[in-house]
Amino acid sequence: MEKNGYVVSQQLTLSVVYDDLPIDLDLRTDLFVNDCVVVEIKAISNLLPVHQAQLLTYMKLLNAPQGLLINFFTDNITKSIVPMINEYFKILLDR
């Protein structure tokens, strides 16, 4: 889907290959924007470290440099957004 210059994929299925062996998993990102930002959406009382690990996994599988973890179970949505950076791309900033 494209709107206002943004290309957004919803419920994108991810494939995992380990040592040339495809692994059948049901991993799906909530949103993948412009092939560079993974957005994972939650509506829970407390974000846990496993939610950040989930986002980082999606970012690594998609080679995405950035991610956003957004929790809608809040009275202030701007304070509930957790931005993340894929450390693999950090070397690009050092050059």
N, C-alpha and C. Protein backbone atom coordinates (compact mmCIF):
# COMPACT_ATOMS: atom_id res chain seq x y z
N MET A 1 0.85 -1.17 0.00
CA MET A 1 0.00 0.00 0.00
C MET A 1 0.90 1.23 0.00
N GLU A 2 0.56 2.22 -0.80
CA GLU A 2 1.32 3.47 -0.85
C GLU A 2 0.38 4.64 -0.62
N LYS A 3 0.80 5.55 0.27
CA LYS A 3 0.01 6.74 0.52
C LYS A 3 0.95 7.85 0.99
N ASN A 4 0.78 9.02 0.42
CA ASN A 4 1.58 10.19 0.78
C ASN A 4 3.07 9.94 0.67
N GLY A 5 3.49 9.14 -0.28
CA GLY A 5 4.90 8.88 -0.49
C GLY A 5 5.49 7.79 0.38
N TYR A 6 4.68 7.14 1.21
CA TYR A 6 5.15 6.05 2.06
C TYR A 6 4.62 4.72 1.53
N VAL A 7 5.52 3.77 1.41
CA VAL A 7 5.13 2.42 1.01
C VAL A 7 5.11 1.58 2.28
N VAL A 8 3.94 1.07 2.62
CA VAL A 8 3.76 0.34 3.88
C VAL A 8 3.29 -1.08 3.59
N SER A 9 4.02 -2.05 4.12
CA SER A 9 3.61 -3.45 4.05
C SER A 9 3.04 -3.83 5.41
N GLN A 10 1.90 -4.50 5.40
CA GLN A 10 1.25 -4.93 6.64
C GLN A 10 1.33 -6.44 6.77
N GLN A 11 1.56 -6.90 7.99
CA GLN A 11 1.61 -8.34 8.29
C GLN A 11 2.53 -9.07 7.31
N LEU A 12 3.71 -8.52 7.13
CA LEU A 12 4.71 -9.09 6.23
C LEU A 12 5.27 -10.37 6.85
N THR A 13 5.19 -11.48 6.13
CA THR A 13 5.69 -12.76 6.62
C THR A 13 7.20 -12.83 6.40
N LEU A 14 7.92 -13.23 7.45
CA LEU A 14 9.37 -13.30 7.39
C LEU A 14 9.82 -14.75 7.29
N SER A 15 10.85 -14.97 6.51
CA SER A 15 11.42 -16.31 6.43
C SER A 15 12.75 -16.33 7.17
N VAL A 16 13.05 -17.47 7.75
CA VAL A 16 14.28 -17.64 8.51
C VAL A 16 15.07 -18.78 7.88
N VAL A 17 16.34 -18.51 7.61
CA VAL A 17 17.23 -19.55 7.09
C VAL A 17 18.43 -19.64 8.03
N TYR A 18 18.68 -20.83 8.53
CA TYR A 18 19.81 -21.04 9.43
C TYR A 18 20.70 -22.12 8.83
N ASP A 19 21.94 -21.78 8.55
CA ASP A 19 22.90 -22.72 8.00
C ASP A 19 22.35 -23.40 6.75
N ASP A 20 21.83 -22.58 5.84
CA ASP A 20 21.23 -23.03 4.57
C ASP A 20 19.99 -23.90 4.74
N LEU A 21 19.41 -23.90 5.92
CA LEU A 21 18.21 -24.70 6.19
C LEU A 21 17.04 -23.75 6.48
N PRO A 22 16.02 -23.76 5.62
CA PRO A 22 14.86 -22.89 5.90
C PRO A 22 14.08 -23.42 7.10
N ILE A 23 13.71 -22.50 7.97
CA ILE A 23 12.95 -22.86 9.17
C ILE A 23 11.55 -22.29 9.01
N ASP A 24 10.56 -23.15 9.16
CA ASP A 24 9.17 -22.75 8.98
C ASP A 24 8.64 -22.13 10.27
N LEU A 25 8.60 -20.81 10.32
CA LEU A 25 8.09 -20.08 11.47
C LEU A 25 7.02 -19.11 10.98
N ASP A 26 6.12 -18.77 11.86
CA ASP A 26 5.09 -17.80 11.51
C ASP A 26 5.44 -16.45 12.12
N LEU A 27 6.44 -15.79 11.55
CA LEU A 27 6.84 -14.47 12.02
C LEU A 27 6.25 -13.43 11.08
N ARG A 28 5.57 -12.43 11.67
CA ARG A 28 4.95 -11.38 10.86
C ARG A 28 5.17 -10.02 11.53
N THR A 29 5.65 -9.09 10.73
CA THR A 29 5.79 -7.73 11.23
C THR A 29 4.43 -7.04 11.15
N ASP A 30 4.19 -6.11 12.06
CA ASP A 30 2.95 -5.35 11.97
C ASP A 30 3.00 -4.42 10.76
N LEU A 31 4.05 -3.60 10.69
CA LEU A 31 4.21 -2.67 9.58
C LEU A 31 5.68 -2.60 9.18
N PHE A 32 5.93 -2.46 7.88
CA PHE A 32 7.28 -2.25 7.37
C PHE A 32 7.19 -1.08 6.40
N VAL A 33 7.80 0.04 6.78
CA VAL A 33 7.64 1.31 6.06
C VAL A 33 8.87 1.60 5.20
N ASN A 34 8.63 1.83 3.91
CA ASN A 34 9.67 2.21 2.95
C ASN A 34 10.89 1.29 2.99
N ASP A 35 10.68 0.05 3.29
CA ASP A 35 11.76 -0.95 3.35
C ASP A 35 12.89 -0.53 4.28
N CYS A 36 12.58 0.26 5.32
CA CYS A 36 13.66 0.64 6.25
C CYS A 36 13.22 0.77 7.70
N VAL A 37 11.94 0.90 8.00
CA VAL A 37 11.49 1.04 9.38
C VAL A 37 10.46 -0.04 9.70
N VAL A 38 10.77 -0.84 10.72
CA VAL A 38 9.84 -1.85 11.20
C VAL A 38 9.05 -1.24 12.35
N VAL A 39 7.73 -1.34 12.29
CA VAL A 39 6.87 -0.82 13.35
C VAL A 39 6.14 -2.00 13.98
N GLU A 40 6.37 -2.19 15.27
CA GLU A 40 5.70 -3.25 16.01
C GLU A 40 4.71 -2.58 16.98
N ILE A 41 3.45 -2.97 16.89
CA ILE A 41 2.39 -2.32 17.66
C ILE A 41 1.90 -3.26 18.76
N LYS A 42 1.77 -2.72 19.95
CA LYS A 42 1.27 -3.47 21.10
C LYS A 42 0.14 -2.68 21.75
N ALA A 43 -0.66 -3.37 22.54
CA ALA A 43 -1.69 -2.74 23.37
C ALA A 43 -1.74 -3.51 24.68
N ILE A 44 -0.68 -3.33 25.48
CA ILE A 44 -0.52 -4.08 26.73
C ILE A 44 -0.15 -3.13 27.85
N SER A 45 -0.36 -3.56 29.09
CA SER A 45 -0.12 -2.67 30.22
C SER A 45 1.36 -2.34 30.40
N ASN A 46 2.25 -3.31 30.17
CA ASN A 46 3.68 -3.06 30.32
C ASN A 46 4.45 -3.72 29.18
N LEU A 47 5.33 -2.96 28.57
CA LEU A 47 6.24 -3.55 27.59
C LEU A 47 7.31 -4.33 28.33
N LEU A 48 7.67 -5.47 27.78
CA LEU A 48 8.68 -6.33 28.38
C LEU A 48 9.89 -6.40 27.45
N PRO A 49 11.04 -6.83 27.99
CA PRO A 49 12.23 -6.97 27.14
C PRO A 49 12.01 -7.89 25.94
N VAL A 50 11.12 -8.87 26.07
CA VAL A 50 10.86 -9.78 24.95
C VAL A 50 10.25 -9.04 23.76
N HIS A 51 9.53 -7.95 24.01
CA HIS A 51 8.95 -7.17 22.92
C HIS A 51 10.03 -6.42 22.15
N GLN A 52 11.03 -5.91 22.86
CA GLN A 52 12.15 -5.27 22.19
C GLN A 52 12.97 -6.30 21.41
N ALA A 53 13.15 -7.49 21.99
CA ALA A 53 13.88 -8.55 21.29
C ALA A 53 13.14 -8.97 20.03
N GLN A 54 11.82 -9.02 20.10
CA GLN A 54 11.01 -9.35 18.92
C GLN A 54 11.25 -8.33 17.81
N LEU A 55 11.20 -7.05 18.16
CA LEU A 55 11.42 -6.00 17.17
C LEU A 55 12.83 -6.09 16.58
N LEU A 56 13.84 -6.28 17.42
CA LEU A 56 15.21 -6.40 16.92
C LEU A 56 15.36 -7.59 15.98
N THR A 57 14.70 -8.69 16.28
CA THR A 57 14.74 -9.86 15.40
C THR A 57 14.16 -9.53 14.04
N TYR A 58 13.01 -8.87 14.02
CA TYR A 58 12.39 -8.47 12.76
C TYR A 58 13.30 -7.52 11.98
N MET A 59 13.93 -6.59 12.68
CA MET A 59 14.82 -5.64 12.03
C MET A 59 16.00 -6.36 11.39
N LYS A 60 16.56 -7.34 12.09
CA LYS A 60 17.70 -8.08 11.55
C LYS A 60 17.29 -8.93 10.36
N LEU A 61 16.15 -9.59 10.45
CA LEU A 61 15.70 -10.43 9.34
C LEU A 61 15.38 -9.62 8.09
N LEU A 62 14.92 -8.39 8.26
CA LEU A 62 14.57 -7.54 7.13
C LEU A 62 15.70 -6.59 6.72
N ASN A 63 16.83 -6.66 7.42
CA ASN A 63 17.93 -5.72 7.18
C ASN A 63 17.45 -4.28 7.29
N ALA A 64 16.64 -4.02 8.28
CA ALA A 64 16.08 -2.68 8.50
C ALA A 64 16.94 -1.93 9.52
N PRO A 65 17.33 -0.71 9.21
CA PRO A 65 18.17 0.05 10.14
C PRO A 65 17.43 0.60 11.35
N GLN A 66 16.11 0.77 11.25
CA GLN A 66 15.37 1.39 12.36
C GLN A 66 14.10 0.62 12.67
N GLY A 67 13.65 0.79 13.91
CA GLY A 67 12.39 0.18 14.32
C GLY A 67 11.71 1.04 15.36
N LEU A 68 10.40 0.89 15.45
CA LEU A 68 9.61 1.59 16.46
C LEU A 68 8.72 0.57 17.15
N LEU A 69 8.77 0.57 18.46
CA LEU A 69 7.88 -0.25 19.28
C LEU A 69 6.87 0.71 19.90
N ILE A 70 5.60 0.55 19.53
CA ILE A 70 4.57 1.49 19.97
C ILE A 70 3.54 0.74 20.81
N ASN A 71 3.29 1.25 22.02
CA ASN A 71 2.28 0.67 22.89
C ASN A 71 1.10 1.63 22.99
N PHE A 72 -0.06 1.17 22.53
CA PHE A 72 -1.26 2.01 22.54
C PHE A 72 -2.01 1.97 23.87
N PHE A 73 -1.57 1.13 24.81
CA PHE A 73 -2.23 1.05 26.11
C PHE A 73 -1.61 2.10 27.03
N THR A 74 -1.90 3.36 26.75
CA THR A 74 -1.29 4.46 27.48
C THR A 74 -2.16 5.71 27.36
N ASP A 75 -1.91 6.66 28.24
CA ASP A 75 -2.61 7.93 28.13
C ASP A 75 -1.78 8.97 27.36
N ASN A 76 -0.51 8.62 27.06
CA ASN A 76 0.35 9.52 26.29
C ASN A 76 1.15 8.69 25.29
N ILE A 77 0.67 8.64 24.07
CA ILE A 77 1.27 7.78 23.06
C ILE A 77 2.71 8.17 22.75
N THR A 78 3.05 9.45 22.82
CA THR A 78 4.41 9.87 22.49
C THR A 78 5.43 9.35 23.50
N LYS A 79 5.02 9.15 24.74
CA LYS A 79 5.92 8.62 25.76
C LYS A 79 6.02 7.10 25.70
N SER A 80 5.14 6.46 24.95
CA SER A 80 5.15 5.00 24.90
C SER A 80 5.92 4.46 23.70
N ILE A 81 6.43 5.33 22.85
CA ILE A 81 7.16 4.89 21.66
C ILE A 81 8.62 4.62 22.02
N VAL A 82 9.09 3.44 21.64
CA VAL A 82 10.48 3.06 21.89
C VAL A 82 11.19 2.96 20.53
N PRO A 83 12.07 3.92 20.22
CA PRO A 83 12.81 3.83 18.96
C PRO A 83 14.01 2.88 19.13
N MET A 84 14.32 2.12 18.08
CA MET A 84 15.45 1.20 18.15
C MET A 84 16.25 1.30 16.86
N ILE A 85 17.55 1.02 16.98
CA ILE A 85 18.45 1.04 15.83
C ILE A 85 19.12 -0.32 15.73
N ASN A 86 19.17 -0.85 14.53
CA ASN A 86 19.85 -2.11 14.26
C ASN A 86 21.35 -1.84 14.34
N GLU A 87 22.04 -2.46 15.27
CA GLU A 87 23.46 -2.21 15.49
C GLU A 87 24.30 -2.51 14.25
N TYR A 88 23.82 -3.38 13.38
CA TYR A 88 24.54 -3.69 12.15
C TYR A 88 24.78 -2.43 11.32
N PHE A 89 23.84 -1.51 11.34
CA PHE A 89 23.94 -0.30 10.54
C PHE A 89 24.71 0.81 11.25
N LYS A 90 25.07 0.59 12.51
CA LYS A 90 25.80 1.61 13.25
C LYS A 90 27.17 1.89 12.62
N ILE A 91 27.77 0.89 11.99
CA ILE A 91 29.07 1.09 11.36
C ILE A 91 29.00 2.11 10.23
N LEU A 92 27.83 2.26 9.63
CA LEU A 92 27.68 3.26 8.57
C LEU A 92 27.80 4.67 9.11
N LEU A 93 27.38 4.89 10.35
CA LEU A 93 27.43 6.22 10.94
C LEU A 93 28.85 6.60 11.33
N ASP A 94 29.69 5.59 11.60
CA ASP A 94 31.06 5.86 12.04
C ASP A 94 31.97 6.27 10.90
N ARG A 95 31.56 6.11 9.69
CA ARG A 95 32.44 6.41 8.55
C ARG A 95 32.33 7.81 8.10
